[in-house]
C-alpha atoms as a PDB file:
ATOM      1  CA  UNK A   1     -12.457 157.357  54.789  1.00  0.00           C
ATOM      2  CA  UNK A   2     -11.230 155.476  51.803  1.00  0.00           C
ATOM      3  CA  UNK A   3     -12.971 155.550  48.374  1.00  0.00           C
ATOM      4  CA  UNK A   4     -12.107 153.548  45.391  1.00  0.00           C
ATOM      5  CA  UNK A   5     -13.176 153.658  41.879  1.00  0.00           C
ATOM      6  CA  UNK A   6     -12.446 151.427  38.733  1.00  0.00           C
ATOM      7  CA  UNK A   7     -12.833 152.648  35.160  1.00  0.00           C
ATOM      8  CA  UNK A   8     -12.501 150.235  32.413  1.00  0.00           C
ATOM      9  CA  UNK A   9     -12.385 151.710  28.773  1.00  0.00           C
ATOM     10  CA  UNK A  10     -11.266 151.024  25.421  1.00  0.00           C
ATOM     11  CA  UNK A  11      -8.310 153.258  24.211  1.00  0.00           C
ATOM     12  CA  UNK A  12      -8.418 152.035  20.406  1.00  0.00           C
ATOM     13  CA  UNK A  13      -5.839 149.309  20.896  1.00  0.00           C
ATOM     14  CA  UNK A  14      -6.399 147.634  24.380  1.00  0.00           C
ATOM     15  CA  UNK A  15      -8.904 147.760  27.293  1.00  0.00           C
ATOM     16  CA  UNK A  16      -7.468 149.614  30.021  1.00  0.00           C
ATOM     17  CA  UNK A  17      -8.591 149.920  33.774  1.00  0.00           C
ATOM     18  CA  UNK A  18      -7.675 153.001  35.751  1.00  0.00           C
ATOM     19  CA  UNK A  19      -8.024 152.060  39.596  1.00  0.00           C
ATOM     20  CA  UNK A  20      -8.265 155.217  41.704  1.00  0.00           C
ATOM     21  CA  UNK A  21      -8.288 155.267  45.543  1.00  0.00           C
ATOM     22  CA  UNK A  22      -8.777 158.298  47.666  1.00  0.00           C
ATOM     23  CA  UNK A  23      -7.463 158.126  51.189  1.00  0.00           C
ATOM     24  CA  UNK A  24      -7.145 160.993  53.550  1.00  0.00           C
ATOM     25  CA  UNK A  25      -7.499 163.524  50.894  1.00  0.00           C
ATOM     26  CA  UNK A  26      -4.759 162.023  48.627  1.00  0.00           C
ATOM     27  CA  UNK A  27      -5.573 160.294  45.178  1.00  0.00           C
ATOM     28  CA  UNK A  28      -3.439 157.206  43.981  1.00  0.00           C
ATOM     29  CA  UNK A  29      -4.024 155.805  40.737  1.00  0.00           C
ATOM     30  CA  UNK A  30      -3.035 152.505  39.067  1.00  0.00           C
ATOM     31  CA  UNK A  31      -3.155 151.635  35.375  1.00  0.00           C
ATOM     32  CA  UNK A  32      -4.142 148.077  34.427  1.00  0.00           C
ATOM     33  CA  UNK A  33      -3.984 146.991  30.917  1.00  0.00           C
ATOM     34  CA  UNK A  34      -6.308 144.207  29.855  1.00  0.00           C
ATOM     35  CA  UNK A  35      -5.956 142.519  26.529  1.00  0.00           C
ATOM     36  CA  UNK A  36      -9.402 141.588  24.980  1.00  0.00           C
ATOM     37  CA  UNK A  37     -12.543 143.117  26.533  1.00  0.00           C
ATOM     38  CA  UNK A  38     -12.606 141.777  30.162  1.00  0.00           C
ATOM     39  CA  UNK A  39     -15.831 140.341  31.650  1.00  0.00           C
ATOM     40  CA  UNK A  40     -16.896 141.693  34.944  1.00  0.00           C
ATOM     41  CA  UNK A  41     -15.928 138.417  36.809  1.00  0.00           C
ATOM     42  CA  UNK A  42     -12.483 138.590  35.234  1.00  0.00           C
ATOM     43  CA  UNK A  43     -11.796 142.026  36.357  1.00  0.00           C
ATOM     44  CA  UNK A  44     -13.031 141.124  39.698  1.00  0.00           C
ATOM     45  CA  UNK A  45     -10.876 138.125  39.846  1.00  0.00           C
ATOM     46  CA  UNK A  46      -7.804 139.988  38.372  1.00  0.00           C
ATOM     47  CA  UNK A  47      -8.056 142.544  41.296  1.00  0.00           C
ATOM     48  CA  UNK A  48      -8.407 139.666  43.785  1.00  0.00           C
ATOM     49  CA  UNK A  49      -5.543 137.960  42.600  1.00  0.00           C
ATOM     50  CA  UNK A  50      -3.180 140.899  41.914  1.00  0.00           C
ATOM     51  CA  UNK A  51      -4.030 143.220  44.400  1.00  0.00           C
ATOM     52  CA  UNK A  52      -0.764 143.305  45.958  1.00  0.00           C
ATOM     53  CA  UNK A  53       1.119 143.467  42.925  1.00  0.00           C
ATOM     54  CA  UNK A  54      -0.645 146.692  41.789  1.00  0.00           C
ATOM     55  CA  UNK A  55       1.796 149.607  41.516  1.00  0.00           C
ATOM     56  CA  UNK A  56       0.001 152.854  42.625  1.00  0.00           C
ATOM     57  CA  UNK A  57       1.215 156.247  41.766  1.00  0.00           C
ATOM     58  CA  UNK A  58       2.443 158.695  44.385  1.00  0.00           C
ATOM     59  CA  UNK A  59      -0.218 160.472  46.173  1.00  0.00           C
ATOM     60  CA  UNK A  60      -1.576 163.633  44.756  1.00  0.00           C
ATOM     61  CA  UNK A  61      -3.755 166.040  46.541  1.00  0.00           C
ATOM     62  CA  UNK A  62      -7.520 165.135  45.866  1.00  0.00           C
ATOM     63  CA  UNK A  63      -9.397 168.345  45.200  1.00  0.00           C
ATOM     64  CA  UNK A  64     -12.818 166.455  46.161  1.00  0.00           C
ATOM     65  CA  UNK A  65     -16.300 167.755  47.062  1.00  0.00           C
ATOM     66  CA  UNK A  66     -17.994 166.752  50.260  1.00  0.00           C
ATOM     67  CA  UNK A  67     -20.635 164.113  50.016  1.00  0.00           C
ATOM     68  CA  UNK A  68     -24.053 165.401  50.122  1.00  0.00           C
ATOM     69  CA  UNK A  69     -27.422 163.763  49.862  1.00  0.00           C
ATOM     70  CA  UNK A  70     -28.212 163.333  45.994  1.00  0.00           C
ATOM     71  CA  UNK A  71     -31.587 162.853  44.593  1.00  0.00           C
ATOM     72  CA  UNK A  72     -31.646 159.109  43.312  1.00  0.00           C
ATOM     73  CA  UNK A  73     -32.821 160.313  39.757  1.00  0.00           C
ATOM     74  CA  UNK A  74     -29.864 162.606  39.726  1.00  0.00           C
ATOM     75  CA  UNK A  75     -27.708 160.024  40.895  1.00  0.00           C
ATOM     76  CA  UNK A  76     -29.017 157.753  37.981  1.00  0.00           C
ATOM     77  CA  UNK A  77     -28.099 160.214  35.486  1.00  0.00           C
ATOM     78  CA  UNK A  78     -24.709 160.897  36.974  1.00  0.00           C
ATOM     79  CA  UNK A  79     -23.782 157.160  36.734  1.00  0.00           C
ATOM     80  CA  UNK A  80     -25.018 156.909  33.163  1.00  0.00           C
ATOM     81  CA  UNK A  81     -22.875 159.902  32.219  1.00  0.00           C
ATOM     82  CA  UNK A  82     -19.944 158.394  33.974  1.00  0.00           C
ATOM     83  CA  UNK A  83     -20.433 155.132  32.062  1.00  0.00           C
ATOM     84  CA  UNK A  84     -20.665 157.044  28.764  1.00  0.00           C
ATOM     85  CA  UNK A  85     -17.473 159.007  29.364  1.00  0.00           C
ATOM     86  CA  UNK A  86     -14.247 157.501  28.320  1.00  0.00           C
ATOM     87  CA  UNK A  87     -10.870 158.003  29.886  1.00  0.00           C
ATOM     88  CA  UNK A  88      -9.564 159.133  33.267  1.00  0.00           C
ATOM     89  CA  UNK A  89      -9.710 162.191  35.281  1.00  0.00           C
ATOM     90  CA  UNK A  90      -7.533 164.931  35.295  1.00  0.00           C
ATOM     91  CA  UNK A  91      -6.243 164.203  38.928  1.00  0.00           C
ATOM     92  CA  UNK A  92      -5.696 160.338  37.934  1.00  0.00           C
ATOM     93  CA  UNK A  93      -3.919 161.557  34.711  1.00  0.00           C
ATOM     94  CA  UNK A  94      -1.562 163.700  37.043  1.00  0.00           C
ATOM     95  CA  UNK A  95      -0.869 160.946  39.436  1.00  0.00           C
ATOM     96  CA  UNK A  96      -0.181 158.345  36.476  1.00  0.00           C
ATOM     97  CA  UNK A  97       2.220 161.021  34.686  1.00  0.00           C
ATOM     98  CA  UNK A  98       4.001 161.400  37.979  1.00  0.00           C
ATOM     99  CA  UNK A  99       4.481 157.617  38.398  1.00  0.00           C
ATOM    100  CA  UNK A 100       5.637 157.572  34.827  1.00  0.00           C
ATOM    101  CA  UNK A 101       8.274 160.353  35.450  1.00  0.00           C
ATOM    102  CA  UNK A 102       9.517 158.648  38.575  1.00  0.00           C
ATOM    103  CA  UNK A 103       9.884 155.147  36.648  1.00  0.00           C
ATOM    104  CA  UNK A 104      11.883 157.298  33.990  1.00  0.00           C
ATOM    105  CA  UNK A 105      14.258 158.601  36.590  1.00  0.00           C
ATOM    106  CA  UNK A 106      14.944 154.989  38.124  1.00  0.00           C
ATOM    107  CA  UNK A 107      15.567 153.865  34.621  1.00  0.00           C
ATOM    108  CA  UNK A 108      18.021 156.512  33.921  1.00  0.00           C
ATOM    109  CA  UNK A 109      19.741 156.079  37.087  1.00  0.00           C
ATOM    110  CA  UNK A 110      19.997 152.242  36.635  1.00  0.00           C
ATOM    111  CA  UNK A 111      21.486 152.650  33.295  1.00  0.00           C
ATOM    112  CA  UNK A 112      23.857 155.220  34.444  1.00  0.00           C
ATOM    113  CA  UNK A 113      25.115 153.073  37.171  1.00  0.00           C
ATOM    114  CA  UNK A 114      25.501 149.946  34.826  1.00  0.00           C
ATOM    115  CA  UNK A 115      27.483 152.102  32.386  1.00  0.00           C
ATOM    116  CA  UNK A 116      29.649 153.380  35.127  1.00  0.00           C
ATOM    117  CA  UNK A 117      30.140 149.667  36.224  1.00  0.00           C
ATOM    118  CA  UNK A 118      31.202 148.633  32.696  1.00  0.00           C
ATOM    119  CA  UNK A 119      33.550 151.424  32.306  1.00  0.00           C
ATOM    120  CA  UNK A 120      35.258 150.449  35.725  1.00  0.00           C
ATOM    121  CA  UNK A 121      35.446 146.907  34.639  1.00  0.00           C
ATOM    122  CA  UNK A 122      37.016 147.720  31.362  1.00  0.00           C
ATOM    123  CA  UNK A 123      39.482 149.881  33.170  1.00  0.00           C
ATOM    124  CA  UNK A 124      40.463 146.924  35.367  1.00  0.00           C
ATOM    125  CA  UNK A 125      40.842 144.665  32.388  1.00  0.00           C
ATOM    126  CA  UNK A 126      43.158 147.270  30.704  1.00  0.00           C
ATOM    127  CA  UNK A 127      45.177 147.512  33.925  1.00  0.00           C
ATOM    128  CA  UNK A 128      45.690 143.984  34.259  1.00  0.00           C
ATOM    129  CA  UNK A 129      46.802 143.463  30.641  1.00  0.00           C
ATOM    130  CA  UNK A 130      49.438 146.344  31.259  1.00  0.00           C
ATOM    131  CA  UNK A 131      50.789 144.547  34.466  1.00  0.00           C
ATOM    132  CA  UNK A 132      51.039 141.204  32.499  1.00  0.00           C
ATOM    133  CA  UNK A 133      52.964 142.948  29.763  1.00  0.00           C
ATOM    134  CA  UNK A 134      55.180 144.820  32.242  1.00  0.00           C
ATOM    135  CA  UNK A 135      55.942 141.316  33.709  1.00  0.00           C
ATOM    136  CA  UNK A 136      57.038 140.156  30.260  1.00  0.00           C
ATOM    137  CA  UNK A 137      54.595 137.422  30.063  1.00  0.00           C
END
């Protein structure tokens, strides 16, 4: 069973959307940054167009509760409480921070590789110059 949840909130600068999906007991989260306050149809359109481009975090164990029959009035209260609440759940925050950490490691690796390639290129240039000097050119 798969469950999805999209939370849109204002973080002081931008409107942020946190898309959470739970599949096989694993939670994955994706952070979407909107500029101005998005309308409902704009959010829906964005999801339809960019669904395959969304980068979800690595799966985190979702400590969820089993679904039980909920009184309709209680459900309305819970929905109102969720609408008033801002931000993301702790599991989503963990998943997003894990994704951020992986991105940071990938950037470091890429930078290290580029630095090594530049070092090797400079070495080859120096060697070439030494050979040309040795030939008397």
